[in-house]
Amino acid sequence: GTGFMAGEKSKVVAALLAFFLGMFGVHKFYLGKTTAGIIMLVCGTIGWLLLAIPPMIIGVIAFVEFIIYLITPDEDFQRKYVEGDKAWF
C-alpha cells in the first residue's frame, strides 16, 4: 500500500484494532490485508443474518489475533504480518 499504510506497522495498534474492531476486520486493513479484511467485514456485518454464527467465529479469530500480535516479537510481527503474506494467525 501507499500513504499511511507504508512502512512499519505498530503491533500494539494492530492488536488494539483486532480487539475493539476485529469483527469488522479493521486490523486486516491496517496491515494491508484487504481481502482478509473484507471477509471479516462481511462476516461481522451481514453475518448476523445467519444466526450470528459468522460474527462469533470472526470475533474469536480477532481475539486470537489480538493475543498473537501482542506476544509476537516486533521483528517477527513486521516480517510475518506486515511485509509477508500471512493474513491469518
PDB file of N, CA and C in Angstrom:
ATOM      1  N   GLY A   1       0.816  -1.206   0.000  1.00  0.00           N
ATOM      2  CA  GLY A   1       0.000   0.000   0.000  1.00  0.00           C
ATOM      3  C   GLY A   1       0.847   1.251   0.000  1.00  0.00           C
ATOM      4  N   THR A   2       0.190   2.373  -0.090  1.00  0.00           N
ATOM      5  CA  THR A   2       0.883   3.657  -0.092  1.00  0.00           C
ATOM      6  C   THR A   2       0.310   4.525   1.009  1.00  0.00           C
ATOM      7  N   GLY A   3       0.857   5.722   1.126  1.00  0.00           N
ATOM      8  CA  GLY A   3       0.357   6.652   2.132  1.00  0.00           C
ATOM      9  C   GLY A   3       0.650   6.147   3.528  1.00  0.00           C
ATOM     10  N   PHE A   4      -0.351   6.278   4.402  1.00  0.00           N
ATOM     11  CA  PHE A   4      -0.101   5.915   5.801  1.00  0.00           C
ATOM     12  C   PHE A   4       0.041   4.413   5.988  1.00  0.00           C
ATOM     13  N   MET A   5      -0.266   3.619   4.961  1.00  0.00           N
ATOM     14  CA  MET A   5      -0.149   2.168   5.066  1.00  0.00           C
ATOM     15  C   MET A   5       1.291   1.704   4.849  1.00  0.00           C
ATOM     16  N   ALA A   6       2.145   2.576   4.320  1.00  0.00           N
ATOM     17  CA  ALA A   6       3.516   2.173   4.002  1.00  0.00           C
ATOM     18  C   ALA A   6       4.376   2.127   5.257  1.00  0.00           C
ATOM     19  N   GLY A   7       5.437   1.329   5.200  1.00  0.00           N
ATOM     20  CA  GLY A   7       6.401   1.297   6.292  1.00  0.00           C
ATOM     21  C   GLY A   7       5.975   0.399   7.442  1.00  0.00           C
ATOM     22  N   GLU A   8       6.597   0.630   8.587  1.00  0.00           N
ATOM     23  CA  GLU A   8       6.362  -0.225   9.741  1.00  0.00           C
ATOM     24  C   GLU A   8       4.982  -0.007  10.325  1.00  0.00           C
ATOM     25  N   LYS A   9       4.422  -1.086  10.831  1.00  0.00           N
ATOM     26  CA  LYS A   9       3.136  -1.020  11.493  1.00  0.00           C
ATOM     27  C   LYS A   9       3.352  -1.298  12.971  1.00  0.00           C
ATOM     28  N   SER A  10       2.584  -0.635  13.787  1.00  0.00           N
ATOM     29  CA  SER A  10       2.662  -0.873  15.219  1.00  0.00           C
ATOM     30  C   SER A  10       1.862  -2.119  15.569  1.00  0.00           C
ATOM     31  N   LYS A  11       2.527  -3.065  16.222  1.00  0.00           N
ATOM     32  CA  LYS A  11       1.785  -4.267  16.599  1.00  0.00           C
ATOM     33  C   LYS A  11       0.773  -3.962  17.690  1.00  0.00           C
ATOM     34  N   VAL A  12       1.043  -2.944  18.507  1.00  0.00           N
ATOM     35  CA  VAL A  12       0.081  -2.566  19.540  1.00  0.00           C
ATOM     36  C   VAL A  12      -1.178  -1.992  18.893  1.00  0.00           C
ATOM     37  N   VAL A  13      -0.997  -1.133  17.892  1.00  0.00           N
ATOM     38  CA  VAL A  13      -2.151  -0.594  17.166  1.00  0.00           C
ATOM     39  C   VAL A  13      -2.931  -1.736  16.517  1.00  0.00           C
ATOM     40  N   ALA A  14      -2.222  -2.642  15.848  1.00  0.00           N
ATOM     41  CA  ALA A  14      -2.887  -3.775  15.197  1.00  0.00           C
ATOM     42  C   ALA A  14      -3.647  -4.614  16.224  1.00  0.00           C
ATOM     43  N   ALA A  15      -3.035  -4.850  17.378  1.00  0.00           N
ATOM     44  CA  ALA A  15      -3.677  -5.649  18.430  1.00  0.00           C
ATOM     45  C   ALA A  15      -4.924  -4.948  18.962  1.00  0.00           C
ATOM     46  N   LEU A  16      -4.834  -3.631  19.191  1.00  0.00           N
ATOM     47  CA  LEU A  16      -5.993  -2.885  19.697  1.00  0.00           C
ATOM     48  C   LEU A  16      -7.116  -2.847  18.671  1.00  0.00           C
ATOM     49  N   LEU A  17      -6.765  -2.695  17.401  1.00  0.00           N
ATOM     50  CA  LEU A  17      -7.784  -2.733  16.346  1.00  0.00           C
ATOM     51  C   LEU A  17      -8.446  -4.105  16.300  1.00  0.00           C
ATOM     52  N   ALA A  18      -7.637  -5.165  16.455  1.00  0.00           N
ATOM     53  CA  ALA A  18      -8.190  -6.525  16.455  1.00  0.00           C
ATOM     54  C   ALA A  18      -9.141  -6.706  17.632  1.00  0.00           C
ATOM     55  N   PHE A  19      -8.780  -6.136  18.784  1.00  0.00           N
ATOM     56  CA  PHE A  19      -9.590  -6.299  19.988  1.00  0.00           C
ATOM     57  C   PHE A  19     -10.911  -5.536  19.889  1.00  0.00           C
ATOM     58  N   PHE A  20     -10.822  -4.255  19.500  1.00  0.00           N
ATOM     59  CA  PHE A  20     -12.013  -3.404  19.536  1.00  0.00           C
ATOM     60  C   PHE A  20     -12.832  -3.433  18.246  1.00  0.00           C
ATOM     61  N   LEU A  21     -12.163  -3.603  17.116  1.00  0.00           N
ATOM     62  CA  LEU A  21     -12.860  -3.538  15.827  1.00  0.00           C
ATOM     63  C   LEU A  21     -12.614  -4.786  14.987  1.00  0.00           C
ATOM     64  N   GLY A  22     -12.161  -5.839  15.640  1.00  0.00           N
ATOM     65  CA  GLY A  22     -11.794  -7.066  14.926  1.00  0.00           C
ATOM     66  C   GLY A  22     -12.915  -7.671  14.115  1.00  0.00           C
ATOM     67  N   MET A  23     -14.144  -7.532  14.599  1.00  0.00           N
ATOM     68  CA  MET A  23     -15.275  -8.108  13.894  1.00  0.00           C
ATOM     69  C   MET A  23     -15.465  -7.486  12.516  1.00  0.00           C
ATOM     70  N   PHE A  24     -14.952  -6.270  12.352  1.00  0.00           N
ATOM     71  CA  PHE A  24     -15.082  -5.578  11.075  1.00  0.00           C
ATOM     72  C   PHE A  24     -13.796  -5.649  10.261  1.00  0.00           C
ATOM     73  N   GLY A  25     -12.819  -6.420  10.753  1.00  0.00           N
ATOM     74  CA  GLY A  25     -11.583  -6.639  10.007  1.00  0.00           C
ATOM     75  C   GLY A  25     -10.677  -5.430   9.909  1.00  0.00           C
ATOM     76  N   VAL A  26     -10.883  -4.436  10.783  1.00  0.00           N
ATOM     77  CA  VAL A  26     -10.118  -3.188  10.686  1.00  0.00           C
ATOM     78  C   VAL A  26      -8.615  -3.446  10.798  1.00  0.00           C
ATOM     79  N   HIS A  27      -8.218  -4.388  11.667  1.00  0.00           N
ATOM     80  CA  HIS A  27      -6.791  -4.689  11.812  1.00  0.00           C
ATOM     81  C   HIS A  27      -6.206  -5.263  10.530  1.00  0.00           C
ATOM     82  N   LYS A  28      -7.025  -5.975   9.750  1.00  0.00           N
ATOM     83  CA  LYS A  28      -6.541  -6.524   8.477  1.00  0.00           C
ATOM     84  C   LYS A  28      -6.267  -5.399   7.485  1.00  0.00           C
ATOM     85  N   PHE A  29      -7.205  -4.438   7.412  1.00  0.00           N
ATOM     86  CA  PHE A  29      -6.993  -3.293   6.512  1.00  0.00           C
ATOM     87  C   PHE A  29      -5.749  -2.522   6.941  1.00  0.00           C
ATOM     88  N   TYR A  30      -5.571  -2.335   8.251  1.00  0.00           N
ATOM     89  CA  TYR A  30      -4.408  -1.632   8.784  1.00  0.00           C
ATOM     90  C   TYR A  30      -3.117  -2.308   8.340  1.00  0.00           C
ATOM     91  N   LEU A  31      -3.110  -3.639   8.348  1.00  0.00           N
ATOM     92  CA  LEU A  31      -1.904  -4.382   7.969  1.00  0.00           C
ATOM     93  C   LEU A  31      -1.794  -4.574   6.457  1.00  0.00           C
ATOM     94  N   GLY A  32      -2.761  -4.031   5.702  1.00  0.00           N
ATOM     95  CA  GLY A  32      -2.708  -4.126   4.253  1.00  0.00           C
ATOM     96  C   GLY A  32      -3.240  -5.434   3.703  1.00  0.00           C
ATOM     97  N   LYS A  33      -3.932  -6.218   4.526  1.00  0.00           N
ATOM     98  CA  LYS A  33      -4.506  -7.496   4.074  1.00  0.00           C
ATOM     99  C   LYS A  33      -5.975  -7.259   3.710  1.00  0.00           C
ATOM    100  N   THR A  34      -6.183  -6.596   2.560  1.00  0.00           N
ATOM    101  CA  THR A  34      -7.512  -6.127   2.187  1.00  0.00           C
ATOM    102  C   THR A  34      -8.518  -7.262   2.030  1.00  0.00           C
ATOM    103  N   THR A  35      -8.134  -8.351   1.365  1.00  0.00           N
ATOM    104  CA  THR A  35      -9.066  -9.459   1.143  1.00  0.00           C
ATOM    105  C   THR A  35      -9.538 -10.047   2.467  1.00  0.00           C
ATOM    106  N   ALA A  36      -8.599 -10.294   3.376  1.00  0.00           N
ATOM    107  CA  ALA A  36      -8.953 -10.821   4.698  1.00  0.00           C
ATOM    108  C   ALA A  36      -9.842  -9.830   5.440  1.00  0.00           C
ATOM    109  N   GLY A  37      -9.561  -8.542   5.278  1.00  0.00           N
ATOM    110  CA  GLY A  37     -10.373  -7.510   5.913  1.00  0.00           C
ATOM    111  C   GLY A  37     -11.795  -7.521   5.411  1.00  0.00           C
ATOM    112  N   ILE A  38     -11.958  -7.664   4.098  1.00  0.00           N
ATOM    113  CA  ILE A  38     -13.301  -7.693   3.504  1.00  0.00           C
ATOM    114  C   ILE A  38     -14.064  -8.922   3.986  1.00  0.00           C
ATOM    115  N   ILE A  39     -13.393 -10.081   4.043  1.00  0.00           N
ATOM    116  CA  ILE A  39     -14.043 -11.299   4.536  1.00  0.00           C
ATOM    117  C   ILE A  39     -14.551 -11.084   5.956  1.00  0.00           C
ATOM    118  N   MET A  40     -13.705 -10.516   6.811  1.00  0.00           N
ATOM    119  CA  MET A  40     -14.105 -10.284   8.204  1.00  0.00           C
ATOM    120  C   MET A  40     -15.226  -9.254   8.288  1.00  0.00           C
ATOM    121  N   LEU A  41     -15.138  -8.212   7.465  1.00  0.00           N
ATOM    122  CA  LEU A  41     -16.165  -7.177   7.465  1.00  0.00           C
ATOM    123  C   LEU A  41     -17.526  -7.746   7.071  1.00  0.00           C
ATOM    124  N   VAL A  42     -17.546  -8.557   6.016  1.00  0.00           N
ATOM    125  CA  VAL A  42     -18.801  -9.155   5.559  1.00  0.00           C
ATOM    126  C   VAL A  42     -19.369 -10.093   6.618  1.00  0.00           C
ATOM    127  N   CYS A  43     -18.529 -10.959   7.168  1.00  0.00           N
ATOM    128  CA  CYS A  43     -18.987 -11.896   8.205  1.00  0.00           C
ATOM    129  C   CYS A  43     -19.444 -11.154   9.462  1.00  0.00           C
ATOM    130  N   GLY A  44     -18.754 -10.055   9.794  1.00  0.00           N
ATOM    131  CA  GLY A  44     -19.071  -9.312  11.005  1.00  0.00           C
ATOM    132  C   GLY A  44     -20.301  -8.433  10.877  1.00  0.00           C
ATOM    133  N   THR A  45     -20.744  -8.183   9.642  1.00  0.00           N
ATOM    134  CA  THR A  45     -21.918  -7.330   9.455  1.00  0.00           C
ATOM    135  C   THR A  45     -23.117  -8.165   9.008  1.00  0.00           C
ATOM    136  N   ILE A  46     -23.164  -8.558   7.732  1.00  0.00           N
ATOM    137  CA  ILE A  46     -24.330  -9.317   7.273  1.00  0.00           C
ATOM    138  C   ILE A  46     -24.353 -10.731   7.831  1.00  0.00           C
ATOM    139  N   GLY A  47     -23.245 -11.147   8.429  1.00  0.00           N
ATOM    140  CA  GLY A  47     -23.206 -12.464   9.067  1.00  0.00           C
ATOM    141  C   GLY A  47     -24.224 -12.607  10.190  1.00  0.00           C
ATOM    142  N   TRP A  48     -24.678 -11.459  10.744  1.00  0.00           N
ATOM    143  CA  TRP A  48     -25.684 -11.511  11.823  1.00  0.00           C
ATOM    144  C   TRP A  48     -26.983 -12.121  11.334  1.00  0.00           C
ATOM    145  N   LEU A  49     -27.227 -12.056  10.036  1.00  0.00           N
ATOM    146  CA  LEU A  49     -28.448 -12.641   9.481  1.00  0.00           C
ATOM    147  C   LEU A  49     -28.412 -14.163   9.545  1.00  0.00           C
ATOM    148  N   LEU A  50     -27.223 -14.717   9.663  1.00  0.00           N
ATOM    149  CA  LEU A  50     -27.073 -16.179   9.689  1.00  0.00           C
ATOM    150  C   LEU A  50     -26.916 -16.677  11.122  1.00  0.00           C
ATOM    151  N   LEU A  51     -27.893 -16.370  11.954  1.00  0.00           N
ATOM    152  CA  LEU A  51     -27.936 -16.847  13.337  1.00  0.00           C
ATOM    153  C   LEU A  51     -26.730 -16.419  14.153  1.00  0.00           C
ATOM    154  N   ALA A  52     -26.081 -15.334  13.750  1.00  0.00           N
ATOM    155  CA  ALA A  52     -24.959 -14.746  14.489  1.00  0.00           C
ATOM    156  C   ALA A  52     -23.743 -15.667  14.581  1.00  0.00           C
ATOM    157  N   ILE A  53     -23.721 -16.743  13.808  1.00  0.00           N
ATOM    158  CA  ILE A  53     -22.575 -17.661  13.887  1.00  0.00           C
ATOM    159  C   ILE A  53     -21.317 -17.068  13.237  1.00  0.00           C
ATOM    160  N   PRO A  54     -21.403 -16.524  11.998  1.00  0.00           N
ATOM    161  CA  PRO A  54     -20.177 -15.942  11.420  1.00  0.00           C
ATOM    162  C   PRO A  54     -19.562 -14.848  12.288  1.00  0.00           C
ATOM    163  N   PRO A  55     -20.360 -13.906  12.839  1.00  0.00           N
ATOM    164  CA  PRO A  55     -19.726 -12.884  13.673  1.00  0.00           C
ATOM    165  C   PRO A  55     -19.056 -13.457  14.918  1.00  0.00           C
ATOM    166  N   MET A  56     -19.627 -14.518  15.489  1.00  0.00           N
ATOM    167  CA  MET A  56     -18.996 -15.129  16.665  1.00  0.00           C
ATOM    168  C   MET A  56     -17.663 -15.741  16.282  1.00  0.00           C
ATOM    169  N   ILE A  57     -17.616 -16.423  15.141  1.00  0.00           N
ATOM    170  CA  ILE A  57     -16.372 -17.035  14.667  1.00  0.00           C
ATOM    171  C   ILE A  57     -15.335 -15.949  14.396  1.00  0.00           C
ATOM    172  N   ILE A  58     -15.742 -14.897  13.692  1.00  0.00           N
ATOM    173  CA  ILE A  58     -14.839 -13.785  13.379  1.00  0.00           C
ATOM    174  C   ILE A  58     -14.356 -13.123  14.670  1.00  0.00           C
ATOM    175  N   GLY A  59     -15.258 -12.970  15.634  1.00  0.00           N
ATOM    176  CA  GLY A  59     -14.879 -12.380  16.918  1.00  0.00           C
ATOM    177  C   GLY A  59     -13.805 -13.189  17.613  1.00  0.00           C
ATOM    178  N   VAL A  60     -13.936 -14.512  17.572  1.00  0.00           N
ATOM    179  CA  VAL A  60     -12.936 -15.393  18.184  1.00  0.00           C
ATOM    180  C   VAL A  60     -11.609 -15.266  17.443  1.00  0.00           C
ATOM    181  N   ILE A  61     -11.654 -15.271  16.098  1.00  0.00           N
ATOM    182  CA  ILE A  61     -10.428 -15.120  15.306  1.00  0.00           C
ATOM    183  C   ILE A  61      -9.748 -13.799  15.648  1.00  0.00           C
ATOM    184  N   ALA A  62     -10.531 -12.713  15.706  1.00  0.00           N
ATOM    185  CA  ALA A  62      -9.960 -11.396  16.004  1.00  0.00           C
ATOM    186  C   ALA A  62      -9.324 -11.393  17.389  1.00  0.00           C
ATOM    187  N   PHE A  63      -9.959 -12.053  18.359  1.00  0.00           N
ATOM    188  CA  PHE A  63      -9.403 -12.086  19.711  1.00  0.00           C
ATOM    189  C   PHE A  63      -8.109 -12.892  19.744  1.00  0.00           C
ATOM    190  N   VAL A  64      -8.084 -14.019  19.045  1.00  0.00           N
ATOM    191  CA  VAL A  64      -6.862 -14.828  18.968  1.00  0.00           C
ATOM    192  C   VAL A  64      -5.744 -14.011  18.323  1.00  0.00           C
ATOM    193  N   GLU A  65      -6.085 -13.271  17.256  1.00  0.00           N
ATOM    194  CA  GLU A  65      -5.070 -12.453  16.590  1.00  0.00           C
ATOM    195  C   GLU A  65      -4.586 -11.334  17.506  1.00  0.00           C
ATOM    196  N   PHE A  66      -5.481 -10.763  18.280  1.00  0.00           N
ATOM    197  CA  PHE A  66      -5.123  -9.751  19.281  1.00  0.00           C
ATOM    198  C   PHE A  66      -4.018 -10.288  20.193  1.00  0.00           C
ATOM    199  N   ILE A  67      -4.204 -11.502  20.716  1.00  0.00           N
ATOM    200  CA  ILE A  67      -3.222 -12.133  21.615  1.00  0.00           C
ATOM    201  C   ILE A  67      -1.907 -12.392  20.860  1.00  0.00           C
ATOM    202  N   ILE A  68      -2.023 -12.990  19.673  1.00  0.00           N
ATOM    203  CA  ILE A  68      -0.826 -13.332  18.891  1.00  0.00           C
ATOM    204  C   ILE A  68      -0.017 -12.079  18.564  1.00  0.00           C
ATOM    205  N   TYR A  69      -0.705 -11.004  18.142  1.00  0.00           N
ATOM    206  CA  TYR A  69       0.007  -9.766  17.806  1.00  0.00           C
ATOM    207  C   TYR A  69       0.807  -9.274  19.008  1.00  0.00           C
ATOM    208  N   LEU A  70       0.200  -9.341  20.193  1.00  0.00           N
ATOM    209  CA  LEU A  70       0.866  -8.816  21.382  1.00  0.00           C
ATOM    210  C   LEU A  70       2.069  -9.653  21.801  1.00  0.00           C
ATOM    211  N   ILE A  71       1.994 -10.981  21.622  1.00  0.00           N
ATOM    212  CA  ILE A  71       3.101 -11.825  22.099  1.00  0.00           C
ATOM    213  C   ILE A  71       4.169 -12.063  21.037  1.00  0.00           C
ATOM    214  N   THR A  72       3.906 -11.661  19.783  1.00  0.00           N
ATOM    215  CA  THR A  72       4.892 -11.840  18.721  1.00  0.00           C
ATOM    216  C   THR A  72       5.967 -10.762  18.843  1.00  0.00           C
ATOM    217  N   PRO A  73       7.247 -11.162  18.833  1.00  0.00           N
ATOM    218  CA  PRO A  73       8.321 -10.156  18.878  1.00  0.00           C
ATOM    219  C   PRO A  73       8.194  -9.178  17.700  1.00  0.00           C
ATOM    220  N   ASP A  74       8.613  -7.931  17.906  1.00  0.00           N
ATOM    221  CA  ASP A  74       8.443  -6.878  16.905  1.00  0.00           C
ATOM    222  C   ASP A  74       8.962  -7.260  15.520  1.00  0.00           C
ATOM    223  N   GLU A  75      10.176  -7.826  15.454  1.00  0.00           N
ATOM    224  CA  GLU A  75      10.763  -8.156  14.150  1.00  0.00           C
ATOM    225  C   GLU A  75       9.918  -9.212  13.458  1.00  0.00           C
ATOM    226  N   ASP A  76       9.487 -10.234  14.210  1.00  0.00           N
ATOM    227  CA  ASP A  76       8.657 -11.296  13.639  1.00  0.00           C
ATOM    228  C   ASP A  76       7.332 -10.736  13.162  1.00  0.00           C
ATOM    229  N   PHE A  77       6.760  -9.819  13.957  1.00  0.00           N
ATOM    230  CA  PHE A  77       5.481  -9.210  13.588  1.00  0.00           C
ATOM    231  C   PHE A  77       5.612  -8.495  12.252  1.00  0.00           C
ATOM    232  N   GLN A  78       6.651  -7.658  12.105  1.00  0.00           N
ATOM    233  CA  GLN A  78       6.858  -6.917  10.852  1.00  0.00           C
ATOM    234  C   GLN A  78       7.044  -7.884   9.685  1.00  0.00           C
ATOM    235  N   ARG A  79       7.862  -8.924   9.914  1.00  0.00           N
ATOM    236  CA  ARG A  79       8.189  -9.859   8.838  1.00  0.00           C
ATOM    237  C   ARG A  79       6.957 -10.663   8.412  1.00  0.00           C
ATOM    238  N   LYS A  80       6.223 -11.181   9.403  1.00  0.00           N
ATOM    239  CA  LYS A  80       5.095 -12.069   9.113  1.00  0.00           C
ATOM    240  C   LYS A  80       3.849 -11.340   8.647  1.00  0.00           C
ATOM    241  N   TYR A  81       3.447 -10.318   9.401  1.00  0.00           N
ATOM    242  CA  TYR A  81       2.124  -9.744   9.199  1.00  0.00           C
ATOM    243  C   TYR A  81       2.112  -8.460   8.383  1.00  0.00           C
ATOM    244  N   VAL A  82       3.252  -7.776   8.299  1.00  0.00           N
ATOM    245  CA  VAL A  82       3.280  -6.523   7.553  1.00  0.00           C
ATOM    246  C   VAL A  82       3.909  -6.746   6.184  1.00  0.00           C
ATOM    247  N   GLU A  83       5.135  -7.298   6.165  1.00  0.00           N
ATOM    248  CA  GLU A  83       5.844  -7.497   4.901  1.00  0.00           C
ATOM    249  C   GLU A  83       5.415  -8.798   4.228  1.00  0.00           C
ATOM    250  N   GLY A  84       5.113  -9.804   5.035  1.00  0.00           N
ATOM    251  CA  GLY A  84       4.804 -11.125   4.483  1.00  0.00           C
ATOM    252  C   GLY A  84       3.373 -11.248   3.988  1.00  0.00           C
ATOM    253  N   ASP A  85       3.043 -12.464   3.555  1.00  0.00           N
ATOM    254  CA  ASP A  85       1.708 -12.735   3.012  1.00  0.00           C
ATOM    255  C   ASP A  85       0.772 -13.312   4.073  1.00  0.00           C
ATOM    256  N   LYS A  86       1.248 -13.380   5.316  1.00  0.00           N
ATOM    257  CA  LYS A  86       0.462 -14.036   6.367  1.00  0.00           C
ATOM    258  C   LYS A  86      -0.742 -13.183   6.732  1.00  0.00           C
ATOM    259  N   ALA A  87      -1.922 -13.588   6.255  1.00  0.00           N
ATOM    260  CA  ALA A  87      -3.132 -12.808   6.507  1.00  0.00           C
ATOM    261  C   ALA A  87      -3.893 -13.333   7.732  1.00  0.00           C
ATOM    262  N   TRP A  88      -3.723 -14.605   8.054  1.00  0.00           N
ATOM    263  CA  TRP A  88      -4.472 -15.202   9.180  1.00  0.00           C
ATOM    264  C   TRP A  88      -3.507 -15.816  10.166  1.00  0.00           C
ATOM    265  N   PHE A  89      -3.741 -15.563  11.431  1.00  0.00           N
ATOM    266  CA  PHE A  89      -2.906 -16.086  12.535  1.00  0.00           C
ATOM    267  C   PHE A  89      -1.425 -15.955  12.211  1.00  0.00           C
TER     268      PHE A  89
END
